[in-house]
């Protein structure tokens, strides 16, 4: 047995492919050529790594896992933003809280119209009562006062209905923004996941 074989040293009877673990010499030449051609870039990377603090190299090793977590977090945030948008304006932009507010505003507008009708009827009745001598003056005054109060309530309801419609429009804008944000966050999360394979 040649000297050095027991210690795992090179045996001159071994071929170069055997020494390289059975790899094709053409592949080895390509790898060496690549390293030689890009030696300046490899040197820059080595200099950069040497200049990093000791804990930074450990951080770089954790970077893929951190990016996976960031990607998953972005995608989850996107899904939650999309759900929030759906709750505010529904899938078609006309549902959710926006639809409820618009419906409430419509109901209030109808109630306002009925209150104005009732106030008009009271005012008309007050005019008829006013024609009755001796009794009509006091009753007509009270009915006119009541008619005015009902008209005031109708005006307040109309104002509240307008506020609900404004709020519905604001919710629509917020819902659209959340939907867009959700799409972008989900897309970003997917991009990070794709980057990591």
N, C-alpha and C. Protein backbone atom coordinates (compact mmCIF):
# COMPACT_ATOMS: atom_id res chain seq x y z
N UNK A 1 0.85 -1.16 0.00
CA UNK A 1 0.00 0.00 0.00
C UNK A 1 0.89 1.22 0.00
N UNK A 2 0.63 2.18 -0.96
CA UNK A 2 1.48 3.37 -1.02
C UNK A 2 1.37 4.19 0.24
N UNK A 3 2.47 4.90 0.50
CA UNK A 3 2.50 5.74 1.70
C UNK A 3 1.44 6.83 1.59
N UNK A 4 0.68 7.06 2.68
CA UNK A 4 -0.28 8.16 2.73
C UNK A 4 -1.70 7.74 2.45
N UNK A 5 -1.91 6.53 1.88
CA UNK A 5 -3.28 6.13 1.60
C UNK A 5 -4.07 5.93 2.88
N UNK A 6 -3.44 5.41 3.91
CA UNK A 6 -4.16 5.19 5.16
C UNK A 6 -4.55 6.50 5.81
N UNK A 7 -3.83 7.56 5.45
CA UNK A 7 -4.15 8.87 6.02
C UNK A 7 -5.08 9.66 5.11
N UNK A 8 -5.56 9.09 4.01
CA UNK A 8 -6.48 9.78 3.11
C UNK A 8 -5.80 10.73 2.17
N UNK A 9 -4.49 10.55 1.96
CA UNK A 9 -3.78 11.43 1.05
C UNK A 9 -3.92 10.93 -0.38
N UNK A 10 -3.45 11.71 -1.32
CA UNK A 10 -3.58 11.40 -2.74
C UNK A 10 -2.81 10.14 -3.12
N UNK A 11 -3.47 9.29 -3.85
CA UNK A 11 -2.84 8.09 -4.40
C UNK A 11 -2.57 8.37 -5.87
N UNK A 12 -1.31 8.33 -6.32
CA UNK A 12 -1.01 8.66 -7.71
C UNK A 12 -1.70 7.76 -8.70
N UNK A 13 -2.19 6.62 -8.27
CA UNK A 13 -2.89 5.73 -9.19
C UNK A 13 -4.33 6.18 -9.44
N UNK A 14 -4.85 7.12 -8.62
CA UNK A 14 -6.23 7.61 -8.78
C UNK A 14 -6.27 8.58 -9.95
N UNK A 15 -7.37 8.53 -10.71
CA UNK A 15 -7.58 9.49 -11.78
C UNK A 15 -8.07 10.81 -11.19
N UNK A 16 -7.96 11.88 -11.98
CA UNK A 16 -8.39 13.20 -11.52
C UNK A 16 -9.89 13.22 -11.22
N UNK A 17 -10.71 12.51 -12.04
CA UNK A 17 -12.16 12.47 -11.80
C UNK A 17 -12.45 11.82 -10.45
N UNK A 18 -11.70 10.76 -10.12
CA UNK A 18 -11.92 10.09 -8.84
C UNK A 18 -11.57 11.02 -7.69
N UNK A 19 -10.50 11.77 -7.87
CA UNK A 19 -10.08 12.70 -6.83
C UNK A 19 -11.15 13.77 -6.61
N UNK A 20 -11.86 14.14 -7.68
CA UNK A 20 -12.89 15.18 -7.58
C UNK A 20 -14.27 14.59 -7.30
N UNK A 21 -14.29 13.38 -6.79
CA UNK A 21 -15.56 12.78 -6.40
C UNK A 21 -16.40 12.34 -7.57
N UNK A 22 -15.79 12.02 -8.71
CA UNK A 22 -16.52 11.53 -9.87
C UNK A 22 -17.12 12.63 -10.73
N UNK A 23 -16.77 13.86 -10.48
CA UNK A 23 -17.30 14.96 -11.29
C UNK A 23 -16.62 15.02 -12.65
N UNK A 24 -17.37 15.46 -13.63
CA UNK A 24 -16.86 15.61 -14.99
C UNK A 24 -15.86 16.77 -15.01
N UNK A 25 -14.72 16.56 -15.67
CA UNK A 25 -13.70 17.61 -15.73
C UNK A 25 -14.20 18.85 -16.45
N UNK A 26 -15.12 18.68 -17.42
CA UNK A 26 -15.68 19.84 -18.13
C UNK A 26 -16.46 20.75 -17.18
N UNK A 27 -17.21 20.13 -16.26
CA UNK A 27 -17.97 20.92 -15.27
C UNK A 27 -17.03 21.66 -14.34
N UNK A 28 -15.96 20.96 -13.94
CA UNK A 28 -14.98 21.58 -13.04
C UNK A 28 -14.33 22.77 -13.73
N UNK A 29 -13.98 22.60 -15.03
CA UNK A 29 -13.36 23.70 -15.78
C UNK A 29 -14.30 24.90 -15.86
N UNK A 30 -15.59 24.62 -16.09
CA UNK A 30 -16.57 25.71 -16.17
C UNK A 30 -16.66 26.46 -14.84
N UNK A 31 -16.71 25.70 -13.74
CA UNK A 31 -16.81 26.32 -12.42
C UNK A 31 -15.59 27.17 -12.11
N UNK A 32 -14.41 26.62 -12.42
CA UNK A 32 -13.17 27.37 -12.18
C UNK A 32 -13.14 28.61 -13.06
N UNK A 33 -13.54 28.46 -14.33
CA UNK A 33 -13.58 29.61 -15.25
C UNK A 33 -14.53 30.69 -14.75
N UNK A 34 -15.69 30.28 -14.23
CA UNK A 34 -16.65 31.25 -13.71
C UNK A 34 -16.06 32.02 -12.54
N UNK A 35 -15.42 31.30 -11.62
CA UNK A 35 -14.80 31.95 -10.46
C UNK A 35 -13.71 32.91 -10.90
N UNK A 36 -12.88 32.49 -11.87
CA UNK A 36 -11.79 33.34 -12.34
C UNK A 36 -12.32 34.60 -13.03
N UNK A 37 -13.37 34.43 -13.86
CA UNK A 37 -13.93 35.57 -14.58
C UNK A 37 -14.59 36.58 -13.64
N UNK A 38 -15.11 36.08 -12.55
CA UNK A 38 -15.85 36.95 -11.62
C UNK A 38 -15.10 37.16 -10.31
N UNK A 39 -13.81 36.98 -10.33
CA UNK A 39 -13.03 37.06 -9.10
C UNK A 39 -13.14 38.44 -8.44
N UNK A 40 -13.24 39.51 -9.26
CA UNK A 40 -13.38 40.86 -8.67
C UNK A 40 -14.68 40.95 -7.88
N UNK A 41 -15.77 40.41 -8.45
CA UNK A 41 -17.05 40.45 -7.75
C UNK A 41 -17.02 39.62 -6.47
N UNK A 42 -16.40 38.43 -6.57
CA UNK A 42 -16.27 37.60 -5.38
C UNK A 42 -15.45 38.32 -4.30
N UNK A 43 -14.42 39.02 -4.72
CA UNK A 43 -13.58 39.76 -3.77
C UNK A 43 -14.40 40.86 -3.09
N UNK A 44 -15.24 41.55 -3.87
CA UNK A 44 -16.10 42.60 -3.29
C UNK A 44 -17.04 42.02 -2.25
N UNK A 45 -17.64 40.87 -2.56
CA UNK A 45 -18.54 40.22 -1.60
C UNK A 45 -17.79 39.83 -0.34
N UNK A 46 -16.60 39.24 -0.53
CA UNK A 46 -15.80 38.85 0.64
C UNK A 46 -15.43 40.07 1.49
N UNK A 47 -15.03 41.16 0.84
CA UNK A 47 -14.70 42.38 1.58
C UNK A 47 -15.92 42.92 2.33
N UNK A 48 -17.08 42.84 1.68
CA UNK A 48 -18.32 43.30 2.33
C UNK A 48 -18.61 42.46 3.56
N UNK A 49 -18.51 41.14 3.41
CA UNK A 49 -18.80 40.24 4.54
C UNK A 49 -17.79 40.44 5.66
N UNK A 50 -16.50 40.63 5.29
CA UNK A 50 -15.48 40.87 6.32
C UNK A 50 -15.74 42.15 7.10
N UNK A 51 -16.31 43.14 6.42
CA UNK A 51 -16.56 44.42 7.07
C UNK A 51 -17.80 44.44 7.94
N UNK A 52 -18.62 43.37 7.87
CA UNK A 52 -19.85 43.33 8.68
C UNK A 52 -19.51 42.93 10.11
N UNK A 53 -20.29 43.43 11.07
CA UNK A 53 -20.11 42.95 12.46
C UNK A 53 -20.42 41.45 12.54
N UNK A 54 -19.91 40.80 13.56
CA UNK A 54 -20.10 39.35 13.70
C UNK A 54 -21.56 38.95 13.69
N UNK A 55 -22.42 39.71 14.37
CA UNK A 55 -23.83 39.34 14.45
C UNK A 55 -24.57 39.58 13.13
N UNK A 56 -24.00 40.39 12.23
CA UNK A 56 -24.65 40.66 10.94
C UNK A 56 -24.64 39.43 10.06
N UNK A 57 -23.57 38.65 10.12
CA UNK A 57 -23.50 37.43 9.30
C UNK A 57 -24.58 36.46 9.77
N UNK A 58 -24.78 36.37 11.06
CA UNK A 58 -25.86 35.53 11.58
C UNK A 58 -27.22 36.03 11.14
N UNK A 59 -27.36 37.35 11.10
CA UNK A 59 -28.63 37.94 10.65
C UNK A 59 -28.89 37.60 9.18
N UNK A 60 -27.84 37.64 8.35
CA UNK A 60 -28.02 37.31 6.94
C UNK A 60 -28.51 35.88 6.77
N UNK A 61 -28.06 35.01 7.64
CA UNK A 61 -28.53 33.63 7.59
C UNK A 61 -30.01 33.51 7.93
N UNK A 62 -30.49 34.43 8.76
CA UNK A 62 -31.90 34.41 9.16
C UNK A 62 -32.78 35.18 8.17
N UNK A 63 -32.18 35.88 7.23
CA UNK A 63 -32.93 36.73 6.31
C UNK A 63 -33.99 35.98 5.50
N UNK A 64 -33.72 34.80 4.95
CA UNK A 64 -34.78 34.10 4.20
C UNK A 64 -36.01 33.83 5.06
N UNK A 65 -35.80 33.39 6.29
CA UNK A 65 -36.94 33.12 7.17
C UNK A 65 -37.69 34.41 7.52
N UNK A 66 -36.93 35.49 7.73
CA UNK A 66 -37.54 36.78 8.00
C UNK A 66 -38.38 37.25 6.82
N UNK A 67 -37.85 37.07 5.61
CA UNK A 67 -38.60 37.46 4.42
C UNK A 67 -39.85 36.62 4.24
N UNK A 68 -39.78 35.33 4.59
CA UNK A 68 -40.99 34.49 4.54
C UNK A 68 -42.04 35.03 5.49
N UNK A 69 -41.62 35.42 6.69
CA UNK A 69 -42.54 35.96 7.67
C UNK A 69 -43.14 37.27 7.18
N UNK A 70 -42.30 38.13 6.59
CA UNK A 70 -42.78 39.40 6.05
C UNK A 70 -43.78 39.15 4.92
N UNK A 71 -43.46 38.22 4.04
CA UNK A 71 -44.36 37.89 2.93
C UNK A 71 -45.70 37.39 3.44
N UNK A 72 -45.67 36.50 4.41
CA UNK A 72 -46.92 35.98 4.98
C UNK A 72 -47.70 37.09 5.67
N UNK A 73 -46.98 37.97 6.38
CA UNK A 73 -47.65 39.09 7.06
C UNK A 73 -48.30 40.05 6.08
N UNK A 74 -47.61 40.34 4.99
CA UNK A 74 -48.18 41.23 3.97
C UNK A 74 -49.42 40.62 3.35
N UNK A 75 -49.35 39.34 3.03
CA UNK A 75 -50.50 38.67 2.43
C UNK A 75 -51.68 38.65 3.40
N UNK A 76 -51.41 38.38 4.67
CA UNK A 76 -52.47 38.36 5.69
C UNK A 76 -53.08 39.75 5.86
N UNK A 77 -52.22 40.77 5.89
CA UNK A 77 -52.73 42.15 5.99
C UNK A 77 -53.60 42.49 4.79
N UNK A 78 -53.20 42.01 3.62
CA UNK A 78 -54.00 42.24 2.41
C UNK A 78 -55.36 41.60 2.52
N UNK A 79 -55.40 40.37 3.03
CA UNK A 79 -56.69 39.69 3.19
C UNK A 79 -57.58 40.42 4.19
N UNK A 80 -56.99 40.88 5.29
CA UNK A 80 -57.78 41.60 6.30
C UNK A 80 -58.31 42.93 5.76
N UNK A 81 -57.49 43.63 4.99
CA UNK A 81 -57.94 44.89 4.39
C UNK A 81 -59.08 44.64 3.41
N UNK A 82 -58.98 43.55 2.65
CA UNK A 82 -60.05 43.21 1.72
C UNK A 82 -61.33 42.87 2.47
N UNK A 83 -61.21 42.16 3.60
CA UNK A 83 -62.39 41.83 4.41
C UNK A 83 -63.02 43.11 4.98
N UNK A 84 -62.17 44.03 5.44
CA UNK A 84 -62.69 45.29 5.97
C UNK A 84 -63.41 46.08 4.88
N UNK A 85 -62.84 46.07 3.68
CA UNK A 85 -63.49 46.76 2.55
C UNK A 85 -64.84 46.12 2.27
N UNK A 86 -64.89 44.80 2.29
CA UNK A 86 -66.15 44.09 2.06
C UNK A 86 -67.19 44.44 3.10
N UNK A 87 -66.77 44.55 4.38
CA UNK A 87 -67.71 44.92 5.44
C UNK A 87 -68.23 46.34 5.26
N UNK A 88 -67.38 47.22 4.76
CA UNK A 88 -67.80 48.62 4.59
C UNK A 88 -68.68 48.82 3.37
N UNK A 89 -68.31 48.23 2.25
CA UNK A 89 -69.03 48.53 1.01
C UNK A 89 -69.49 47.28 0.26
N UNK A 90 -69.26 46.09 0.78
CA UNK A 90 -69.69 44.88 0.10
C UNK A 90 -68.79 44.57 -1.09
N UNK A 91 -69.08 43.45 -1.71
CA UNK A 91 -68.27 42.99 -2.85
C UNK A 91 -68.44 43.89 -4.07
N UNK A 92 -69.64 44.47 -4.23
CA UNK A 92 -69.93 45.27 -5.42
C UNK A 92 -69.76 46.77 -5.21
N UNK A 93 -69.31 47.17 -4.00
CA UNK A 93 -69.14 48.60 -3.71
C UNK A 93 -70.41 49.27 -3.26
N UNK A 94 -71.53 48.54 -3.21
CA UNK A 94 -72.82 49.14 -2.84
C UNK A 94 -73.44 48.49 -1.60
N UNK A 95 -72.76 47.50 -1.00
CA UNK A 95 -73.34 46.76 0.11
C UNK A 95 -72.75 47.16 1.44
N UNK A 96 -72.73 46.21 2.37
CA UNK A 96 -72.15 46.41 3.69
C UNK A 96 -72.75 47.57 4.45
N UNK A 97 -71.90 48.24 5.24
CA UNK A 97 -72.35 49.38 6.06
C UNK A 97 -72.86 50.51 5.17
N UNK A 98 -72.27 50.65 3.99
CA UNK A 98 -72.71 51.71 3.08
C UNK A 98 -74.18 51.51 2.71
N UNK A 99 -74.57 50.29 2.40
CA UNK A 99 -75.96 50.00 2.03
C UNK A 99 -76.90 50.29 3.19
N UNK A 100 -76.48 49.89 4.40
CA UNK A 100 -77.31 50.13 5.58
C UNK A 100 -77.53 51.63 5.80
N UNK A 101 -76.45 52.41 5.66
CA UNK A 101 -76.58 53.86 5.85
C UNK A 101 -77.43 54.50 4.77
N UNK A 102 -77.26 54.05 3.54
CA UNK A 102 -78.06 54.60 2.44
C UNK A 102 -79.52 54.27 2.65
N UNK A 103 -79.80 53.05 3.10
CA UNK A 103 -81.19 52.65 3.39
C UNK A 103 -81.79 53.48 4.50
N UNK A 104 -81.00 53.71 5.56
CA UNK A 104 -81.48 54.53 6.68
C UNK A 104 -81.75 55.96 6.24
N UNK A 105 -80.89 56.49 5.40
CA UNK A 105 -81.09 57.85 4.89
C UNK A 105 -82.38 57.93 4.07
N UNK A 106 -82.62 56.90 3.24
CA UNK A 106 -83.86 56.87 2.45
C UNK A 106 -85.09 56.81 3.33
N UNK A 107 -85.04 56.01 4.40
CA UNK A 107 -86.16 55.91 5.33
C UNK A 107 -86.41 57.26 6.01
N UNK A 108 -85.34 57.93 6.39
CA UNK A 108 -85.48 59.24 7.05
C UNK A 108 -86.05 60.28 6.09
N UNK A 109 -85.65 60.23 4.83
CA UNK A 109 -86.22 61.17 3.86
C UNK A 109 -87.72 60.94 3.73
N UNK A 110 -88.15 59.68 3.70
CA UNK A 110 -89.58 59.37 3.61
C UNK A 110 -90.30 59.84 4.87
N UNK A 111 -89.70 59.62 6.05
CA UNK A 111 -90.32 60.08 7.31
C UNK A 111 -90.42 61.60 7.34
N UNK A 112 -89.41 62.27 6.83
CA UNK A 112 -89.43 63.74 6.76
C UNK A 112 -90.61 64.22 5.92
N UNK A 113 -90.81 63.56 4.78
CA UNK A 113 -91.92 63.95 3.90
C UNK A 113 -93.26 63.74 4.60
N UNK A 114 -93.43 62.65 5.33
CA UNK A 114 -94.68 62.38 6.04
C UNK A 114 -94.90 63.39 7.17
N UNK A 115 -93.81 63.74 7.86
CA UNK A 115 -93.94 64.75 8.92
C UNK A 115 -94.34 66.11 8.34
N UNK A 116 -93.78 66.48 7.20
CA UNK A 116 -94.18 67.73 6.56
C UNK A 116 -95.66 67.68 6.16
N UNK A 117 -96.11 66.52 5.68
CA UNK A 117 -97.54 66.36 5.35
C UNK A 117 -98.41 66.54 6.59
N UNK A 118 -97.97 65.89 7.70
CA UNK A 118 -98.74 66.00 8.96
C UNK A 118 -98.76 67.45 9.44
N UNK A 119 -97.61 68.13 9.35
CA UNK A 119 -97.57 69.54 9.77
C UNK A 119 -98.50 70.38 8.91
N UNK A 120 -98.55 70.08 7.60
CA UNK A 120 -99.46 70.81 6.70
C UNK A 120 -100.92 70.57 7.06
N UNK A 121 -101.26 69.30 7.39
CA UNK A 121 -102.64 68.99 7.78
C UNK A 121 -103.02 69.72 9.07
N UNK A 122 -102.10 69.74 10.05
CA UNK A 122 -102.37 70.45 11.31
C UNK A 122 -102.56 71.95 11.06
N UNK A 123 -101.74 72.51 10.21
CA UNK A 123 -101.87 73.93 9.90
C UNK A 123 -103.22 74.20 9.23
N UNK A 124 -103.64 73.29 8.33
CA UNK A 124 -104.95 73.44 7.67
C UNK A 124 -106.08 73.31 8.66
N UNK A 125 -105.99 72.35 9.59
CA UNK A 125 -107.00 72.17 10.62
C UNK A 125 -107.05 73.39 11.54
N UNK A 126 -105.87 73.93 11.85
CA UNK A 126 -105.82 75.14 12.69
C UNK A 126 -106.54 76.28 11.99
N UNK A 127 -106.39 76.40 10.69
CA UNK A 127 -107.09 77.45 9.94
C UNK A 127 -108.59 77.28 10.00
N UNK A 128 -109.06 76.02 9.94
CA UNK A 128 -110.49 75.76 10.03
C UNK A 128 -111.01 76.05 11.44
N UNK A 129 -110.23 75.63 12.48
CA UNK A 129 -110.65 75.88 13.87
C UNK A 129 -110.71 77.37 14.16
N UNK A 130 -109.82 78.10 13.56
CA UNK A 130 -109.76 79.54 13.80
C UNK A 130 -111.06 80.23 13.37
N UNK A 131 -111.82 79.58 12.50
CA UNK A 131 -113.08 80.15 12.02
C UNK A 131 -114.22 79.99 13.03
N UNK A 132 -114.06 79.13 14.05
CA UNK A 132 -115.10 78.91 15.05
C UNK A 132 -114.98 80.02 16.10
N UNK A 133 -116.01 80.83 16.23
CA UNK A 133 -115.95 81.95 17.19
C UNK A 133 -115.84 81.46 18.64
N UNK A 134 -115.05 82.09 19.40
CA UNK A 134 -114.92 81.87 20.84
C UNK A 134 -114.00 80.71 21.20
N UNK A 135 -113.97 79.64 20.47
CA UNK A 135 -113.13 78.47 20.80
C UNK A 135 -111.92 78.40 19.87
N UNK A 136 -112.13 78.77 18.67
CA UNK A 136 -111.16 78.52 17.62
C UNK A 136 -109.82 79.18 17.80
N UNK A 137 -109.78 80.38 18.37
CA UNK A 137 -108.50 81.10 18.46
C UNK A 137 -107.44 80.32 19.24
N UNK A 138 -107.80 79.85 20.46
CA UNK A 138 -106.83 79.16 21.32
C UNK A 138 -106.43 77.82 20.71
N UNK A 139 -107.41 77.07 20.21
CA UNK A 139 -107.12 75.75 19.63
C UNK A 139 -106.28 75.90 18.36
N UNK A 140 -106.61 76.92 17.56
CA UNK A 140 -105.86 77.15 16.33
C UNK A 140 -104.41 77.50 16.63
N UNK A 141 -104.20 78.32 17.68
CA UNK A 141 -102.83 78.70 18.05
C UNK A 141 -102.03 77.47 18.46
N UNK A 142 -102.64 76.57 19.29
CA UNK A 142 -101.92 75.36 19.74
C UNK A 142 -101.62 74.45 18.55
N UNK A 143 -102.57 74.34 17.64
CA UNK A 143 -102.33 73.48 16.48
C UNK A 143 -101.24 74.06 15.58
N UNK A 144 -101.24 75.37 15.45
CA UNK A 144 -100.19 76.01 14.64
C UNK A 144 -98.82 75.80 15.30
N UNK A 145 -98.80 75.91 16.64
CA UNK A 145 -97.53 75.66 17.36
C UNK A 145 -97.07 74.21 17.14
N UNK A 146 -97.98 73.26 17.26
CA UNK A 146 -97.66 71.85 17.05
C UNK A 146 -97.20 71.59 15.62
N UNK A 147 -97.86 72.25 14.68
CA UNK A 147 -97.47 72.11 13.28
C UNK A 147 -96.04 72.60 13.07
N UNK A 148 -95.72 73.71 13.72
CA UNK A 148 -94.35 74.25 13.60
C UNK A 148 -93.31 73.31 14.19
N UNK A 149 -93.65 72.69 15.33
CA UNK A 149 -92.71 71.75 15.96
C UNK A 149 -92.51 70.51 15.08
N UNK A 150 -93.62 70.02 14.51
CA UNK A 150 -93.49 68.85 13.62
C UNK A 150 -92.64 69.22 12.41
N UNK A 151 -92.83 70.40 11.88
CA UNK A 151 -92.01 70.86 10.75
C UNK A 151 -90.54 70.95 11.13
N UNK A 152 -90.25 71.38 12.37
CA UNK A 152 -88.87 71.46 12.86
C UNK A 152 -88.23 70.08 12.96
N UNK A 153 -89.02 69.10 13.45
CA UNK A 153 -88.52 67.72 13.54
C UNK A 153 -88.23 67.18 12.14
N UNK A 154 -89.12 67.48 11.20
CA UNK A 154 -88.91 67.03 9.82
C UNK A 154 -87.62 67.60 9.26
N UNK A 155 -87.32 68.86 9.54
CA UNK A 155 -86.10 69.49 9.06
C UNK A 155 -84.86 68.82 9.68
N UNK A 156 -84.95 68.51 10.98
CA UNK A 156 -83.83 67.83 11.65
C UNK A 156 -83.59 66.44 11.06
N UNK A 157 -84.69 65.73 10.78
CA UNK A 157 -84.57 64.40 10.20
C UNK A 157 -83.94 64.49 8.81
N UNK A 158 -84.34 65.52 8.07
CA UNK A 158 -83.75 65.71 6.73
C UNK A 158 -82.25 65.96 6.83
N UNK A 159 -81.84 66.75 7.82
CA UNK A 159 -80.42 67.03 8.02
C UNK A 159 -79.66 65.75 8.39
N UNK A 160 -80.26 64.94 9.27
CA UNK A 160 -79.63 63.68 9.67
C UNK A 160 -79.52 62.73 8.48
N UNK A 161 -80.55 62.69 7.65
CA UNK A 161 -80.50 61.85 6.45
C UNK A 161 -79.36 62.28 5.53
N UNK A 162 -79.18 63.59 5.38
CA UNK A 162 -78.07 64.10 4.56
C UNK A 162 -76.73 63.69 5.14
N UNK A 163 -76.61 63.74 6.48
CA UNK A 163 -75.35 63.32 7.12
C UNK A 163 -75.08 61.84 6.89
N UNK A 164 -76.14 61.02 6.95
CA UNK A 164 -75.97 59.58 6.70
C UNK A 164 -75.54 59.33 5.26
N UNK A 165 -76.08 60.09 4.33
CA UNK A 165 -75.66 59.93 2.93
C UNK A 165 -74.20 60.34 2.75
N UNK A 166 -73.80 61.42 3.42
CA UNK A 166 -72.39 61.83 3.36
C UNK A 166 -71.48 60.75 3.93
N UNK A 167 -71.90 60.18 5.07
CA UNK A 167 -71.12 59.11 5.70
C UNK A 167 -71.04 57.90 4.79
N UNK A 168 -72.13 57.61 4.10
CA UNK A 168 -72.12 56.50 3.14
C UNK A 168 -71.09 56.74 2.04
N UNK A 169 -71.01 57.98 1.56
CA UNK A 169 -70.01 58.31 0.53
C UNK A 169 -68.59 58.19 1.05
N UNK A 170 -68.39 58.60 2.31
CA UNK A 170 -67.06 58.48 2.93
C UNK A 170 -66.68 57.01 3.06
N UNK A 171 -67.64 56.19 3.50
CA UNK A 171 -67.37 54.75 3.63
C UNK A 171 -67.02 54.14 2.27
N UNK A 172 -67.69 54.61 1.24
CA UNK A 172 -67.38 54.09 -0.10
C UNK A 172 -65.94 54.41 -0.47
N UNK A 173 -65.50 55.63 -0.17
CA UNK A 173 -64.12 56.02 -0.48
C UNK A 173 -63.12 55.19 0.33
N UNK A 174 -63.41 55.04 1.63
CA UNK A 174 -62.52 54.25 2.50
C UNK A 174 -62.51 52.79 2.03
N UNK A 175 -63.69 52.28 1.69
CA UNK A 175 -63.77 50.90 1.22
C UNK A 175 -62.95 50.67 -0.04
N UNK A 176 -63.04 51.60 -0.98
CA UNK A 176 -62.25 51.48 -2.22
C UNK A 176 -60.76 51.52 -1.90
N UNK A 177 -60.38 52.43 -0.99
CA UNK A 177 -58.96 52.53 -0.62
C UNK A 177 -58.48 51.25 0.05
N UNK A 178 -59.30 50.70 0.96
CA UNK A 178 -58.92 49.46 1.64
C UNK A 178 -58.83 48.30 0.66
N UNK A 179 -59.76 48.28 -0.28
CA UNK A 179 -59.73 47.22 -1.29
C UNK A 179 -58.44 47.30 -2.11
N UNK A 180 -58.07 48.52 -2.53
CA UNK A 180 -56.82 48.71 -3.28
C UNK A 180 -55.61 48.34 -2.44
N UNK A 181 -55.62 48.77 -1.17
CA UNK A 181 -54.52 48.44 -0.26
C UNK A 181 -54.41 46.94 -0.08
N UNK A 182 -55.57 46.28 0.09
CA UNK A 182 -55.57 44.83 0.26
C UNK A 182 -54.97 44.13 -0.93
N UNK A 183 -55.32 44.58 -2.12
CA UNK A 183 -54.79 43.97 -3.34
C UNK A 183 -53.27 44.15 -3.42
N UNK A 184 -52.79 45.37 -3.11
CA UNK A 184 -51.35 45.64 -3.18
C UNK A 184 -50.58 44.83 -2.14
N UNK A 185 -51.13 44.76 -0.91
CA UNK A 185 -50.45 44.01 0.14
C UNK A 185 -50.38 42.53 -0.20
N UNK A 186 -51.49 42.00 -0.71
CA UNK A 186 -51.52 40.59 -1.09
C UNK A 186 -50.52 40.33 -2.21
N UNK A 187 -50.48 41.24 -3.18
CA UNK A 187 -49.53 41.12 -4.30
C UNK A 187 -48.09 41.17 -3.79
N UNK A 188 -47.81 42.10 -2.86
CA UNK A 188 -46.45 42.21 -2.31
C UNK A 188 -46.06 40.96 -1.54
N UNK A 189 -47.01 40.45 -0.74
CA UNK A 189 -46.72 39.22 -0.01
C UNK A 189 -46.43 38.07 -0.95
N UNK A 190 -47.20 37.96 -2.04
CA UNK A 190 -46.96 36.92 -3.03
C UNK A 190 -45.61 37.08 -3.70
N UNK A 191 -45.23 38.35 -3.96
CA UNK A 191 -43.92 38.60 -4.60
C UNK A 191 -42.78 38.16 -3.70
N UNK A 192 -42.89 38.46 -2.41
CA UNK A 192 -41.84 38.05 -1.47
C UNK A 192 -41.76 36.53 -1.40
N UNK A 193 -42.93 35.89 -1.36
CA UNK A 193 -42.94 34.42 -1.31
C UNK A 193 -42.32 33.83 -2.57
N UNK A 194 -42.65 34.42 -3.73
CA UNK A 194 -42.11 33.93 -5.00
C UNK A 194 -40.60 34.11 -5.03
N UNK A 195 -40.13 35.23 -4.51
CA UNK A 195 -38.69 35.51 -4.46
C UNK A 195 -37.94 34.42 -3.71
N UNK A 196 -38.57 33.92 -2.66
CA UNK A 196 -37.92 32.91 -1.83
C UNK A 196 -38.14 31.50 -2.34
N UNK A 197 -39.02 31.38 -3.33
CA UNK A 197 -39.28 30.04 -3.89
C UNK A 197 -40.18 29.30 -2.98
